[in-house]
Amino acid sequence: MRLDKYLKVSRLIKRRTVANEACDAGKITVNDKVARASYDVKVGDVIEITLGSKSVKVKVTEVKEVVRKEDAATMYEAAV
């Protein structure tokens, strides 16, 4: 699944266009490398999102095309 779509489906970022723009601006890294929106997300990847002064780092636990809002948080876990 594309990185921008994963960020939207997992509800880490609210809209796909915002996720796409964040990727283009270099604010999202996967496994410590700046990632493009077309990056193919896999289980085990560590995604770091830096928007403003906030930084969120998560580890991908599962990749699903469709997920309910209540279950979105199960797609990732906090990474240290």
PDB file of N, CA and C in Angstrom:
ATOM      1  N   MET A   1       0.852  -1.175   0.000  1.00  0.00           N
ATOM      2  CA  MET A   1       0.000   0.000   0.000  1.00  0.00           C
ATOM      3  C   MET A   1       0.898   1.239   0.000  1.00  0.00           C
ATOM      4  N   ARG A   2       0.487   2.246  -0.737  1.00  0.00           N
ATOM      5  CA  ARG A   2       1.236   3.501  -0.799  1.00  0.00           C
ATOM      6  C   ARG A   2       1.296   4.170   0.576  1.00  0.00           C
ATOM      7  N   LEU A   3       2.374   4.877   0.828  1.00  0.00           N
ATOM      8  CA  LEU A   3       2.576   5.527   2.121  1.00  0.00           C
ATOM      9  C   LEU A   3       1.485   6.553   2.414  1.00  0.00           C
ATOM     10  N   ASP A   4       1.135   7.388   1.438  1.00  0.00           N
ATOM     11  CA  ASP A   4       0.113   8.412   1.697  1.00  0.00           C
ATOM     12  C   ASP A   4      -1.240   7.779   2.019  1.00  0.00           C
ATOM     13  N   LYS A   5      -1.561   6.683   1.351  1.00  0.00           N
ATOM     14  CA  LYS A   5      -2.825   6.002   1.641  1.00  0.00           C
ATOM     15  C   LYS A   5      -2.788   5.333   3.013  1.00  0.00           C
ATOM     16  N   TYR A   6      -1.657   4.733   3.359  1.00  0.00           N
ATOM     17  CA  TYR A   6      -1.531   4.105   4.678  1.00  0.00           C
ATOM     18  C   TYR A   6      -1.729   5.134   5.792  1.00  0.00           C
ATOM     19  N   LEU A   7      -1.126   6.300   5.644  1.00  0.00           N
ATOM     20  CA  LEU A   7      -1.252   7.340   6.670  1.00  0.00           C
ATOM     21  C   LEU A   7      -2.698   7.778   6.833  1.00  0.00           C
ATOM     22  N   LYS A   8      -3.447   7.812   5.744  1.00  0.00           N
ATOM     23  CA  LYS A   8      -4.860   8.191   5.817  1.00  0.00           C
ATOM     24  C   LYS A   8      -5.707   7.071   6.407  1.00  0.00           C
ATOM     25  N   VAL A   9      -5.524   5.838   5.929  1.00  0.00           N
ATOM     26  CA  VAL A   9      -6.328   4.710   6.399  1.00  0.00           C
ATOM     27  C   VAL A   9      -6.088   4.447   7.888  1.00  0.00           C
ATOM     28  N   SER A  10      -4.834   4.581   8.332  1.00  0.00           N
ATOM     29  CA  SER A  10      -4.515   4.358   9.744  1.00  0.00           C
ATOM     30  C   SER A  10      -4.862   5.568  10.600  1.00  0.00           C
ATOM     31  N   ARG A  11      -5.280   6.640   9.948  1.00  0.00           N
ATOM     32  CA  ARG A  11      -5.689   7.880  10.606  1.00  0.00           C
ATOM     33  C   ARG A  11      -4.560   8.558  11.376  1.00  0.00           C
ATOM     34  N   LEU A  12      -3.330   8.356  10.918  1.00  0.00           N
ATOM     35  CA  LEU A  12      -2.202   9.112  11.459  1.00  0.00           C
ATOM     36  C   LEU A  12      -2.246  10.536  10.919  1.00  0.00           C
ATOM     37  N   ILE A  13      -2.708  10.676   9.669  1.00  0.00           N
ATOM     38  CA  ILE A  13      -2.946  11.984   9.059  1.00  0.00           C
ATOM     39  C   ILE A  13      -4.367  11.963   8.515  1.00  0.00           C
ATOM     40  N   LYS A  14      -5.071  13.067   8.702  1.00  0.00           N
ATOM     41  CA  LYS A  14      -6.513  13.086   8.432  1.00  0.00           C
ATOM     42  C   LYS A  14      -6.882  12.934   6.952  1.00  0.00           C
ATOM     43  N   ARG A  15      -6.132  13.602   6.074  1.00  0.00           N
ATOM     44  CA  ARG A  15      -6.473  13.555   4.646  1.00  0.00           C
ATOM     45  C   ARG A  15      -5.275  13.101   3.817  1.00  0.00           C
ATOM     46  N   ARG A  16      -5.567  12.390   2.730  1.00  0.00           N
ATOM     47  CA  ARG A  16      -4.507  11.857   1.871  1.00  0.00           C
ATOM     48  C   ARG A  16      -3.719  12.974   1.202  1.00  0.00           C
ATOM     49  N   THR A  17      -4.384  14.068   0.839  1.00  0.00           N
ATOM     50  CA  THR A  17      -3.661  15.173   0.196  1.00  0.00           C
ATOM     51  C   THR A  17      -2.658  15.792   1.165  1.00  0.00           C
ATOM     52  N   VAL A  18      -3.018  15.881   2.444  1.00  0.00           N
ATOM     53  CA  VAL A  18      -2.100  16.408   3.450  1.00  0.00           C
ATOM     54  C   VAL A  18      -0.918  15.454   3.609  1.00  0.00           C
ATOM     55  N   ALA A  19      -1.180  14.155   3.605  1.00  0.00           N
ATOM     56  CA  ALA A  19      -0.127  13.153   3.693  1.00  0.00           C
ATOM     57  C   ALA A  19       0.803  13.250   2.485  1.00  0.00           C
ATOM     58  N   ASN A  20       0.229  13.439   1.314  1.00  0.00           N
ATOM     59  CA  ASN A  20       1.010  13.568   0.085  1.00  0.00           C
ATOM     60  C   ASN A  20       1.910  14.803   0.137  1.00  0.00           C
ATOM     61  N   GLU A  21       1.366  15.930   0.602  1.00  0.00           N
ATOM     62  CA  GLU A  21       2.145  17.171   0.701  1.00  0.00           C
ATOM     63  C   GLU A  21       3.256  17.040   1.737  1.00  0.00           C
ATOM     64  N   ALA A  22       2.984  16.339   2.850  1.00  0.00           N
ATOM     65  CA  ALA A  22       4.006  16.135   3.877  1.00  0.00           C
ATOM     66  C   ALA A  22       5.155  15.291   3.328  1.00  0.00           C
ATOM     67  N   CYS A  23       4.833  14.290   2.518  1.00  0.00           N
ATOM     68  CA  CYS A  23       5.870  13.466   1.889  1.00  0.00           C
ATOM     69  C   CYS A  23       6.717  14.305   0.935  1.00  0.00           C
ATOM     70  N   ASP A  24       6.057  15.122   0.127  1.00  0.00           N
ATOM     71  CA  ASP A  24       6.768  15.966  -0.837  1.00  0.00           C
ATOM     72  C   ASP A  24       7.693  16.955  -0.134  1.00  0.00           C
ATOM     73  N   ALA A  25       7.294  17.410   1.064  1.00  0.00           N
ATOM     74  CA  ALA A  25       8.084  18.382   1.815  1.00  0.00           C
ATOM     75  C   ALA A  25       9.203  17.722   2.619  1.00  0.00           C
ATOM     76  N   GLY A  26       9.282  16.389   2.600  1.00  0.00           N
ATOM     77  CA  GLY A  26      10.336  15.682   3.308  1.00  0.00           C
ATOM     78  C   GLY A  26      10.112  15.570   4.804  1.00  0.00           C
ATOM     79  N   LYS A  27       8.864  15.670   5.243  1.00  0.00           N
ATOM     80  CA  LYS A  27       8.550  15.629   6.671  1.00  0.00           C
ATOM     81  C   LYS A  27       8.250  14.224   7.171  1.00  0.00           C
ATOM     82  N   ILE A  28       8.278  13.247   6.279  1.00  0.00           N
ATOM     83  CA  ILE A  28       7.986  11.867   6.662  1.00  0.00           C
ATOM     84  C   ILE A  28       9.163  10.979   6.279  1.00  0.00           C
ATOM     85  N   THR A  29       9.642  10.219   7.271  1.00  0.00           N
ATOM     86  CA  THR A  29      10.730   9.289   7.009  1.00  0.00           C
ATOM     87  C   THR A  29      10.262   7.866   7.306  1.00  0.00           C
ATOM     88  N   VAL A  30      10.788   6.928   6.543  1.00  0.00           N
ATOM     89  CA  VAL A  30      10.518   5.509   6.772  1.00  0.00           C
ATOM     90  C   VAL A  30      11.870   4.835   6.934  1.00  0.00           C
ATOM     91  N   ASN A  31      12.065   4.184   8.067  1.00  0.00           N
ATOM     92  CA  ASN A  31      13.344   3.531   8.384  1.00  0.00           C
ATOM     93  C   ASN A  31      14.510   4.515   8.250  1.00  0.00           C
ATOM     94  N   ASP A  32      14.326   5.720   8.780  1.00  0.00           N
ATOM     95  CA  ASP A  32      15.337   6.794   8.813  1.00  0.00           C
ATOM     96  C   ASP A  32      15.741   7.319   7.441  1.00  0.00           C
ATOM     97  N   LYS A  33      14.896   7.136   6.430  1.00  0.00           N
ATOM     98  CA  LYS A  33      15.144   7.701   5.102  1.00  0.00           C
ATOM     99  C   LYS A  33      13.919   8.501   4.689  1.00  0.00           C
ATOM    100  N   VAL A  34      14.127   9.659   4.075  1.00  0.00           N
ATOM    101  CA  VAL A  34      13.006  10.463   3.601  1.00  0.00           C
ATOM    102  C   VAL A  34      12.255   9.648   2.551  1.00  0.00           C
ATOM    103  N   ALA A  35      10.919   9.569   2.717  1.00  0.00           N
ATOM    104  CA  ALA A  35      10.120   8.707   1.846  1.00  0.00           C
ATOM    105  C   ALA A  35       9.192   9.521   0.963  1.00  0.00           C
ATOM    106  N   ARG A  36       8.954   9.004  -0.228  1.00  0.00           N
ATOM    107  CA  ARG A  36       7.991   9.613  -1.138  1.00  0.00           C
ATOM    108  C   ARG A  36       6.624   9.014  -0.870  1.00  0.00           C
ATOM    109  N   ALA A  37       5.583   9.685  -1.355  1.00  0.00           N
ATOM    110  CA  ALA A  37       4.209   9.232  -1.149  1.00  0.00           C
ATOM    111  C   ALA A  37       3.969   7.858  -1.784  1.00  0.00           C
ATOM    112  N   SER A  38       4.730   7.518  -2.798  1.00  0.00           N
ATOM    113  CA  SER A  38       4.532   6.249  -3.505  1.00  0.00           C
ATOM    114  C   SER A  38       5.265   5.079  -2.848  1.00  0.00           C
ATOM    115  N   TYR A  39       5.969   5.315  -1.742  1.00  0.00           N
ATOM    116  CA  TYR A  39       6.689   4.243  -1.050  1.00  0.00           C
ATOM    117  C   TYR A  39       5.716   3.134  -0.662  1.00  0.00           C
ATOM    118  N   ASP A  40       6.125   1.879  -0.845  1.00  0.00           N
ATOM    119  CA  ASP A  40       5.288   0.720  -0.533  1.00  0.00           C
ATOM    120  C   ASP A  40       5.496   0.312   0.922  1.00  0.00           C
ATOM    121  N   VAL A  41       4.505   0.577   1.769  1.00  0.00           N
ATOM    122  CA  VAL A  41       4.598   0.299   3.203  1.00  0.00           C
ATOM    123  C   VAL A  41       4.502  -1.202   3.455  1.00  0.00           C
ATOM    124  N   LYS A  42       5.400  -1.710   4.328  1.00  0.00           N
ATOM    125  CA  LYS A  42       5.417  -3.124   4.688  1.00  0.00           C
ATOM    126  C   LYS A  42       5.374  -3.244   6.210  1.00  0.00           C
ATOM    127  N   VAL A  43       4.929  -4.390   6.699  1.00  0.00           N
ATOM    128  CA  VAL A  43       4.902  -4.655   8.137  1.00  0.00           C
ATOM    129  C   VAL A  43       6.339  -4.596   8.653  1.00  0.00           C
ATOM    130  N   GLY A  44       6.536  -3.892   9.768  1.00  0.00           N
ATOM    131  CA  GLY A  44       7.861  -3.759  10.358  1.00  0.00           C
ATOM    132  C   GLY A  44       8.522  -2.428  10.063  1.00  0.00           C
ATOM    133  N   ASP A  45       8.013  -1.673   9.092  1.00  0.00           N
ATOM    134  CA  ASP A  45       8.563  -0.354   8.787  1.00  0.00           C
ATOM    135  C   ASP A  45       8.350   0.584   9.970  1.00  0.00           C
ATOM    136  N   VAL A  46       9.311   1.477  10.195  1.00  0.00           N
ATOM    137  CA  VAL A  46       9.187   2.501  11.232  1.00  0.00           C
ATOM    138  C   VAL A  46       8.989   3.840  10.534  1.00  0.00           C
ATOM    139  N   ILE A  47       7.837   4.460  10.784  1.00  0.00           N
ATOM    140  CA  ILE A  47       7.477   5.722  10.136  1.00  0.00           C
ATOM    141  C   ILE A  47       7.593   6.842  11.156  1.00  0.00           C
ATOM    142  N   GLU A  48       8.291   7.923  10.781  1.00  0.00           N
ATOM    143  CA  GLU A  48       8.385   9.098  11.645  1.00  0.00           C
ATOM    144  C   GLU A  48       7.778  10.288  10.912  1.00  0.00           C
ATOM    145  N   ILE A  49       6.819  10.934  11.567  1.00  0.00           N
ATOM    146  CA  ILE A  49       6.115  12.080  10.989  1.00  0.00           C
ATOM    147  C   ILE A  49       6.473  13.310  11.802  1.00  0.00           C
ATOM    148  N   THR A  50       6.983  14.352  11.141  1.00  0.00           N
ATOM    149  CA  THR A  50       7.316  15.593  11.816  1.00  0.00           C
ATOM    150  C   THR A  50       6.481  16.709  11.192  1.00  0.00           C
ATOM    151  N   LEU A  51       5.473  17.149  11.924  1.00  0.00           N
ATOM    152  CA  LEU A  51       4.620  18.249  11.470  1.00  0.00           C
ATOM    153  C   LEU A  51       4.677  19.348  12.528  1.00  0.00           C
ATOM    154  N   GLY A  52       5.172  20.521  12.148  1.00  0.00           N
ATOM    155  CA  GLY A  52       5.337  21.595  13.123  1.00  0.00           C
ATOM    156  C   GLY A  52       6.406  21.194  14.132  1.00  0.00           C
ATOM    157  N   SER A  53       6.105  21.366  15.404  1.00  0.00           N
ATOM    158  CA  SER A  53       7.066  20.997  16.448  1.00  0.00           C
ATOM    159  C   SER A  53       6.808  19.586  16.976  1.00  0.00           C
ATOM    160  N   LYS A  54       5.752  18.928  16.483  1.00  0.00           N
ATOM    161  CA  LYS A  54       5.422  17.578  16.928  1.00  0.00           C
ATOM    162  C   LYS A  54       6.128  16.540  16.071  1.00  0.00           C
ATOM    163  N   SER A  55       6.517  15.447  16.731  1.00  0.00           N
ATOM    164  CA  SER A  55       7.123  14.334  16.017  1.00  0.00           C
ATOM    165  C   SER A  55       6.493  13.046  16.533  1.00  0.00           C
ATOM    166  N   VAL A  56       6.018  12.216  15.611  1.00  0.00           N
ATOM    167  CA  VAL A  56       5.380  10.947  15.968  1.00  0.00           C
ATOM    168  C   VAL A  56       6.148   9.829  15.278  1.00  0.00           C
ATOM    169  N   LYS A  57       6.493   8.806  16.048  1.00  0.00           N
ATOM    170  CA  LYS A  57       7.229   7.669  15.492  1.00  0.00           C
ATOM    171  C   LYS A  57       6.432   6.408  15.782  1.00  0.00           C
ATOM    172  N   VAL A  58       6.075   5.666  14.729  1.00  0.00           N
ATOM    173  CA  VAL A  58       5.273   4.455  14.882  1.00  0.00           C
ATOM    174  C   VAL A  58       5.885   3.309  14.076  1.00  0.00           C
ATOM    175  N   LYS A  59       5.566   2.089  14.507  1.00  0.00           N
ATOM    176  CA  LYS A  59       5.993   0.885  13.794  1.00  0.00           C
ATOM    177  C   LYS A  59       4.758   0.237  13.193  1.00  0.00           C
ATOM    178  N   VAL A  60       4.821  -0.107  11.918  1.00  0.00           N
ATOM    179  CA  VAL A  60       3.696  -0.712  11.209  1.00  0.00           C
ATOM    180  C   VAL A  60       3.522  -2.150  11.675  1.00  0.00           C
ATOM    181  N   THR A  61       2.308  -2.479  12.152  1.00  0.00           N
ATOM    182  CA  THR A  61       2.034  -3.849  12.594  1.00  0.00           C
ATOM    183  C   THR A  61       1.181  -4.613  11.591  1.00  0.00           C
ATOM    184  N   GLU A  62       0.360  -3.883  10.816  1.00  0.00           N
ATOM    185  CA  GLU A  62      -0.422  -4.540   9.766  1.00  0.00           C
ATOM    186  C   GLU A  62      -0.815  -3.523   8.703  1.00  0.00           C
ATOM    187  N   VAL A  63      -1.071  -4.031   7.508  1.00  0.00           N
ATOM    188  CA  VAL A  63      -1.457  -3.187   6.378  1.00  0.00           C
ATOM    189  C   VAL A  63      -2.788  -3.707   5.856  1.00  0.00           C
ATOM    190  N   LYS A  64      -3.814  -2.860   5.916  1.00  0.00           N
ATOM    191  CA  LYS A  64      -5.149  -3.213   5.422  1.00  0.00           C
ATOM    192  C   LYS A  64      -5.645  -2.106   4.512  1.00  0.00           C
ATOM    193  N   GLU A  65      -6.374  -2.487   3.453  1.00  0.00           N
ATOM    194  CA  GLU A  65      -6.928  -1.499   2.530  1.00  0.00           C
ATOM    195  C   GLU A  65      -8.098  -0.745   3.157  1.00  0.00           C
ATOM    196  N   VAL A  66      -8.926  -1.455   3.911  1.00  0.00           N
ATOM    197  CA  VAL A  66     -10.114  -0.856   4.518  1.00  0.00           C
ATOM    198  C   VAL A  66     -10.115  -1.215   5.993  1.00  0.00           C
ATOM    199  N   VAL A  67     -10.372  -0.226   6.833  1.00  0.00           N
ATOM    200  CA  VAL A  67     -10.406  -0.475   8.272  1.00  0.00           C
ATOM    201  C   VAL A  67     -11.395   0.491   8.917  1.00  0.00           C
ATOM    202  N   ARG A  68     -12.089   0.016   9.947  1.00  0.00           N
ATOM    203  CA  ARG A  68     -13.036   0.874  10.651  1.00  0.00           C
ATOM    204  C   ARG A  68     -12.282   1.847  11.547  1.00  0.00           C
ATOM    205  N   LYS A  69     -12.910   2.968  11.837  1.00  0.00           N
ATOM    206  CA  LYS A  69     -12.283   3.999  12.653  1.00  0.00           C
ATOM    207  C   LYS A  69     -11.816   3.455  13.996  1.00  0.00           C
ATOM    208  N   GLU A  70     -12.623   2.591  14.605  1.00  0.00           N
ATOM    209  CA  GLU A  70     -12.291   2.044  15.916  1.00  0.00           C
ATOM    210  C   GLU A  70     -11.065   1.134  15.865  1.00  0.00           C
ATOM    211  N   ASP A  71     -10.816   0.509  14.712  1.00  0.00           N
ATOM    212  CA  ASP A  71      -9.726  -0.447  14.583  1.00  0.00           C
ATOM    213  C   ASP A  71      -8.471   0.153  13.942  1.00  0.00           C
ATOM    214  N   ALA A  72      -8.500   1.425  13.580  1.00  0.00           N
ATOM    215  CA  ALA A  72      -7.373   2.044  12.889  1.00  0.00           C
ATOM    216  C   ALA A  72      -6.095   2.014  13.717  1.00  0.00           C
ATOM    217  N   ALA A  73      -6.207   2.182  15.023  1.00  0.00           N
ATOM    218  CA  ALA A  73      -5.034   2.230  15.891  1.00  0.00           C
ATOM    219  C   ALA A  73      -4.312   0.889  15.990  1.00  0.00           C
ATOM    220  N   THR A  74      -4.956  -0.196  15.551  1.00  0.00           N
ATOM    221  CA  THR A  74      -4.298  -1.508  15.606  1.00  0.00           C
ATOM    222  C   THR A  74      -3.318  -1.697  14.450  1.00  0.00           C
ATOM    223  N   MET A  75      -3.297  -0.781  13.503  1.00  0.00           N
ATOM    224  CA  MET A  75      -2.406  -0.890  12.344  1.00  0.00           C
ATOM    225  C   MET A  75      -0.976  -0.484  12.674  1.00  0.00           C
ATOM    226  N   TYR A  76      -0.748   0.127  13.837  1.00  0.00           N
ATOM    227  CA  TYR A  76       0.589   0.566  14.214  1.00  0.00           C
ATOM    228  C   TYR A  76       0.741   0.535  15.733  1.00  0.00           C
ATOM    229  N   GLU A  77       1.995   0.602  16.176  1.00  0.00           N
ATOM    230  CA  GLU A  77       2.282   0.710  17.602  1.00  0.00           C
ATOM    231  C   GLU A  77       3.367   1.769  17.784  1.00  0.00           C
ATOM    232  N   ALA A  78       3.398   2.372  18.942  1.00  0.00           N
ATOM    233  CA  ALA A  78       4.386   3.418  19.219  1.00  0.00           C
ATOM    234  C   ALA A  78       5.780   2.829  19.174  1.00  0.00           C
ATOM    235  N   ALA A  79       6.693   3.540  18.515  1.00  0.00           N
ATOM    236  CA  ALA A  79       8.090   3.103  18.429  1.00  0.00           C
ATOM    237  C   ALA A  79       8.936   4.034  19.286  1.00  0.00           C
ATOM    238  N   VAL A  80      10.013   3.484  19.804  1.00  0.00           N
ATOM    239  CA  VAL A  80      10.888   4.295  20.669  1.00  0.00           C
ATOM    240  C   VAL A  80      12.062   4.809  19.911  1.00  0.00           C
TER     241      VAL A  80
END
